[in-house]
Amino acid sequence: MIHTLIALLFAHALADFIFQSGFMVRHKANFFVMLAHIAIVGGLSYAALGFNAIWAVAIVTSLHLLMDFIKTYFLPQKLWSYLLDQSIHLLVIIAVASQFADAYAGGVWGSRAFWESTPDWLTTIPESWLTALPLSMLLITGLVYATRAGGFAVGLFMQPLAPDNTAGIPQAGAIIGNLERGLAFLFILSGQPGNLGFLIAAKSVLRFGAASNDRAVSEYVIIGTLASFGWAFGVALITAALRGQLD
């Protein structure tokens, strides 16, 4: 089951946070744009499972469409609705993985065969790469959730707290947040959580001049930093737990 779960999580992370463009997010109320996003979800899920388990893919894709429809047309753009949306997607993936536990094993990446034969292109891929594929999917998924997914969550959390005088380079805050969450994720997964202290200290020094002169900005930076690192820390722990299941 763990390999099927990781493959579906990998496809979901890529579909929602990498291949869903800003245009698609802004125009998701257009049903054809939503269908394009759902087609990406289905295509990536099918590919991640090794072009196998079409019924598992159909269930995940259909329920993804249903949840996106409800979120887009009936729910506000708030942190709670974002977390609810992602939680339901993840619960659906867990449920489908439990019911189609051998989906990945029966696909081309797990069985090393396609339609009961081994295609020539598959023989060109080193066996070690195919063996390491589930772990690679897991680490990429964790990194995407720590950075991109965390960016949306922290952004929605901080939105009502933003002071009026936070002008700066456009998108600089998002870039800094992605970098710090990505580094925190990598530090924890590599068994070096102590380096987080240096990262926090470095950010504090760099922000000191601007934040020390304005209490609102100072508090905003502190809350945002803690929320950002907290998210990355949580994602890293979950990723580490799933990595332990692969061993």
Protein backbone atom coordinates (compact mmCIF):
# COMPACT_ATOMS: atom_id res chain seq x y z
CA MET A 1 0.00 0.00 0.00
CA ILE A 2 2.77 2.45 0.88
CA HIS A 3 4.08 2.61 -2.70
CA THR A 4 0.60 3.26 -4.09
CA LEU A 5 0.00 5.93 -1.45
CA ILE A 6 3.26 7.70 -2.23
CA ALA A 7 2.63 7.60 -5.99
CA LEU A 8 -0.82 9.17 -5.60
CA LEU A 9 0.49 11.80 -3.17
CA PHE A 10 3.28 12.61 -5.63
CA ALA A 11 0.79 13.08 -8.48
CA HIS A 12 -1.47 15.22 -6.29
CA ALA A 13 1.39 17.48 -5.14
CA LEU A 14 2.57 18.06 -8.71
CA ALA A 15 -0.94 18.64 -10.05
CA ASP A 16 -2.06 21.07 -7.35
CA PHE A 17 1.13 23.01 -6.67
CA ILE A 18 3.45 22.70 -9.68
CA PHE A 19 1.38 22.19 -12.83
CA GLN A 20 -1.57 24.30 -11.74
CA SER A 21 -0.56 27.70 -13.09
CA GLY A 22 -1.52 31.08 -11.68
CA PHE A 23 -3.89 31.51 -14.62
CA MET A 24 -5.65 28.26 -13.75
CA VAL A 25 -5.99 29.30 -10.10
CA ARG A 26 -7.42 32.72 -11.02
CA HIS A 27 -9.85 31.31 -13.62
CA LYS A 28 -10.83 28.07 -11.90
CA ALA A 29 -14.44 29.23 -11.82
CA ASN A 30 -14.38 28.62 -15.57
CA PHE A 31 -15.44 24.99 -15.72
CA PHE A 32 -13.21 24.23 -18.72
CA VAL A 33 -10.18 25.50 -16.82
CA MET A 34 -11.19 23.30 -13.90
CA LEU A 35 -11.52 20.31 -16.23
CA ALA A 36 -8.02 21.00 -17.59
CA HIS A 37 -6.69 20.87 -14.03
CA ILE A 38 -8.56 17.63 -13.38
CA ALA A 39 -7.14 16.13 -16.56
CA ILE A 40 -3.65 16.89 -15.21
CA VAL A 41 -4.57 15.21 -11.91
CA GLY A 42 -5.76 12.10 -13.74
CA GLY A 43 -2.82 11.97 -16.15
CA LEU A 44 -0.20 12.37 -13.43
CA SER A 45 -1.92 9.82 -11.17
CA TYR A 46 -2.06 7.27 -13.98
CA ALA A 47 1.61 7.86 -14.84
CA ALA A 48 2.75 7.76 -11.20
CA LEU A 49 1.05 4.38 -10.72
CA GLY A 50 2.89 3.03 -13.75
CA PHE A 51 -0.01 3.35 -16.19
CA ASN A 52 -2.10 1.00 -14.11
CA ALA A 53 -5.23 0.84 -11.92
CA ILE A 54 -7.51 2.97 -14.06
CA TRP A 55 -10.36 2.58 -11.56
CA ALA A 56 -8.22 3.94 -8.74
CA VAL A 57 -7.29 6.88 -10.93
CA ALA A 58 -10.93 7.44 -11.89
CA ILE A 59 -12.03 7.55 -8.24
CA VAL A 60 -9.27 9.93 -7.18
CA THR A 61 -9.88 12.19 -10.17
CA SER A 62 -13.67 12.27 -9.81
CA LEU A 63 -13.56 13.10 -6.12
CA HIS A 64 -10.87 15.71 -6.75
CA LEU A 65 -13.21 17.35 -9.25
CA LEU A 66 -16.10 17.25 -6.77
CA MET A 67 -14.06 18.85 -3.99
CA ASP A 68 -12.60 21.50 -6.29
CA PHE A 69 -16.11 22.31 -7.54
CA ILE A 70 -17.41 22.76 -3.99
CA LYS A 71 -14.39 24.81 -2.90
CA THR A 72 -14.45 27.06 -5.97
CA TYR A 73 -18.16 27.84 -6.05
CA PHE A 74 -19.26 27.57 -2.43
CA LEU A 75 -16.35 28.14 -0.04
CA PRO A 76 -14.47 31.37 0.74
CA GLN A 77 -10.76 31.79 0.11
CA LYS A 78 -9.78 31.27 3.74
CA LEU A 79 -7.19 29.18 5.55
CA TRP A 80 -9.79 26.78 6.92
CA SER A 81 -11.24 26.08 3.46
CA TYR A 82 -7.75 25.53 2.02
CA LEU A 83 -6.87 23.07 4.79
CA LEU A 84 -10.27 21.37 4.47
CA ASP A 85 -9.78 20.99 0.72
CA GLN A 86 -6.31 19.50 1.09
CA SER A 87 -7.36 17.26 3.97
CA ILE A 88 -10.21 15.76 1.97
CA HIS A 89 -7.94 15.20 -1.03
CA LEU A 90 -5.44 13.41 1.20
CA LEU A 91 -8.12 11.31 2.91
CA VAL A 92 -9.45 10.23 -0.49
CA ILE A 93 -5.93 9.25 -1.58
CA ILE A 94 -5.39 7.25 1.62
CA ALA A 95 -8.72 5.47 1.18
CA VAL A 96 -8.06 4.65 -2.48
CA ALA A 97 -4.52 3.46 -1.70
CA SER A 98 -5.90 1.12 0.96
CA GLN A 99 -8.41 -0.37 -1.47
CA PHE A 100 -5.98 -0.61 -4.41
CA ALA A 101 -2.90 -1.50 -2.37
CA ASP A 102 -1.12 -3.29 -5.23
CA ALA A 103 -1.78 -0.63 -7.87
CA TYR A 104 1.83 0.56 -7.97
CA ALA A 105 3.26 -2.97 -7.79
CA GLY A 106 1.17 -3.96 -10.80
CA GLY A 107 2.21 -0.95 -12.86
CA VAL A 108 5.20 -0.55 -15.12
CA TRP A 109 7.43 0.93 -12.38
CA GLY A 110 6.69 -1.85 -9.92
CA SER A 111 6.42 -4.90 -12.17
CA ARG A 112 8.98 -3.72 -14.76
CA ALA A 113 6.48 -4.76 -17.42
CA PHE A 114 3.80 -3.12 -19.55
CA TRP A 115 0.89 -5.25 -20.74
CA GLU A 116 2.75 -8.42 -19.64
CA SER A 117 5.86 -7.58 -21.63
CA THR A 118 8.92 -5.43 -21.04
CA PRO A 119 9.11 -2.52 -23.52
CA ASP A 120 12.51 -1.61 -24.93
CA TRP A 121 12.47 1.87 -23.37
CA LEU A 122 12.05 0.38 -19.90
CA THR A 123 15.18 -1.72 -20.23
CA THR A 124 17.23 1.46 -20.72
CA ILE A 125 16.34 2.67 -17.21
CA PRO A 126 18.82 1.40 -14.59
CA GLU A 127 17.27 -0.99 -12.08
CA SER A 128 18.60 1.14 -9.21
CA TRP A 129 16.62 4.12 -10.49
CA LEU A 130 13.37 2.16 -10.54
CA THR A 131 14.08 0.81 -7.06
CA ALA A 132 14.71 4.32 -5.75
CA LEU A 133 11.67 5.82 -7.53
CA PRO A 134 9.22 5.58 -4.57
CA LEU A 135 11.71 7.32 -2.26
CA SER A 136 12.35 10.00 -4.88
CA MET A 137 8.60 10.55 -5.27
CA LEU A 138 8.22 10.84 -1.51
CA LEU A 139 11.03 13.38 -1.07
CA ILE A 140 9.78 15.51 -3.97
CA THR A 141 6.25 15.38 -2.55
CA GLY A 142 7.48 16.43 0.88
CA LEU A 143 9.52 19.29 -0.57
CA VAL A 144 6.56 20.54 -2.63
CA TYR A 145 4.28 20.42 0.41
CA ALA A 146 6.87 22.14 2.59
CA THR A 147 7.42 24.97 0.10
CA ARG A 148 4.55 25.57 -2.32
CA ALA A 149 1.68 24.18 -0.25
CA GLY A 150 3.12 25.82 2.85
CA GLY A 151 3.32 29.12 1.01
CA PHE A 152 -0.42 29.14 0.40
CA ALA A 153 -1.21 28.05 3.95
CA VAL A 154 1.07 30.57 5.65
CA GLY A 155 -0.05 33.31 3.25
CA LEU A 156 -3.71 32.75 4.10
CA PHE A 157 -2.87 32.55 7.81
CA MET A 158 -0.93 35.83 7.73
CA GLN A 159 -3.32 37.69 5.43
CA PRO A 160 -5.51 39.25 8.17
CA LEU A 161 -2.42 40.12 10.24
CA ALA A 162 -0.51 42.02 7.56
CA PRO A 163 0.39 45.61 8.57
CA ASP A 164 -0.09 48.41 6.07
CA ASN A 165 3.60 49.17 5.62
CA THR A 166 4.97 45.87 4.32
CA ALA A 167 5.86 47.12 0.85
CA GLY A 168 8.95 45.60 -0.73
CA ILE A 169 10.12 43.68 -3.75
CA PRO A 170 7.10 41.94 -5.35
CA GLN A 171 6.96 38.24 -4.46
CA ALA A 172 10.06 38.60 -2.25
CA GLY A 173 8.19 37.35 0.80
CA ALA A 174 6.96 34.27 -1.06
CA ILE A 175 10.45 33.49 -2.36
CA ILE A 176 12.01 33.91 1.09
CA GLY A 177 9.30 31.74 2.64
CA ASN A 178 9.80 28.96 0.10
CA LEU A 179 13.55 29.03 0.63
CA GLU A 180 13.35 28.94 4.42
CA ARG A 181 10.75 26.16 4.45
CA GLY A 182 12.72 24.19 1.89
CA LEU A 183 15.92 24.51 3.90
CA ALA A 184 14.11 23.59 7.13
CA PHE A 185 12.63 20.52 5.43
CA LEU A 186 16.03 19.42 4.13
CA PHE A 187 17.74 20.01 7.50
CA ILE A 188 15.22 17.87 9.35
CA LEU A 189 15.21 15.07 6.75
CA SER A 190 19.00 14.99 6.74
CA GLY A 191 19.10 14.64 10.53
CA GLN A 192 20.47 18.13 11.18
CA PRO A 193 17.62 20.00 12.92
CA GLY A 194 20.15 22.04 14.87
CA ASN A 195 20.87 24.02 11.71
CA LEU A 196 17.39 25.51 12.01
CA GLY A 197 18.74 27.69 14.79
CA PHE A 198 21.34 29.20 12.46
CA LEU A 199 18.65 29.76 9.82
CA ILE A 200 16.36 31.55 12.27
CA ALA A 201 19.28 33.61 13.61
CA ALA A 202 20.33 34.63 10.11
CA LYS A 203 16.82 35.75 9.23
CA SER A 204 16.53 37.65 12.51
CA VAL A 205 19.76 39.55 11.84
CA LEU A 206 18.73 40.42 8.29
CA ARG A 207 15.29 41.59 9.39
CA PHE A 208 16.44 43.39 12.53
CA GLY A 209 16.86 46.84 11.04
CA ALA A 210 13.41 47.03 9.48
CA ALA A 211 11.50 45.17 12.17
CA SER A 212 13.04 46.84 15.22
CA ASN A 213 11.64 50.23 14.22
CA ASP A 214 8.07 49.05 13.85
CA ARG A 215 6.39 46.82 16.42
CA ALA A 216 3.66 45.71 14.00
CA VAL A 217 6.20 44.64 11.39
CA SER A 218 8.31 42.94 14.06
CA GLU A 219 5.38 40.91 15.37
CA TYR A 220 4.27 40.11 11.83
CA VAL A 221 7.74 38.77 10.95
CA ILE A 222 7.95 36.69 14.12
CA ILE A 223 4.52 35.12 13.65
CA GLY A 224 5.17 34.46 9.96
CA THR A 225 8.56 32.89 10.67
CA LEU A 226 7.19 30.59 13.36
CA ALA A 227 4.24 29.58 11.18
CA SER A 228 6.54 28.92 8.23
CA PHE A 229 9.02 26.80 10.18
CA GLY A 230 6.21 25.02 12.01
CA TRP A 231 4.64 23.98 8.72
CA ALA A 232 7.95 22.74 7.30
CA PHE A 233 8.70 20.88 10.52
CA GLY A 234 5.33 19.09 10.42
CA VAL A 235 5.71 18.12 6.76
CA ALA A 236 9.25 16.86 7.41
CA LEU A 237 8.06 14.65 10.30
CA ILE A 238 5.32 13.11 8.16
CA THR A 239 7.77 12.58 5.30
CA ALA A 240 10.27 10.93 7.64
CA ALA A 241 7.55 8.62 8.98
CA LEU A 242 6.58 7.54 5.46
CA ARG A 243 10.23 7.08 4.54
CA GLY A 244 10.52 4.71 7.49
CA GLN A 245 7.75 2.58 5.98
CA LEU A 246 9.81 2.16 2.81
CA ASP A 247 12.81 0.69 4.64
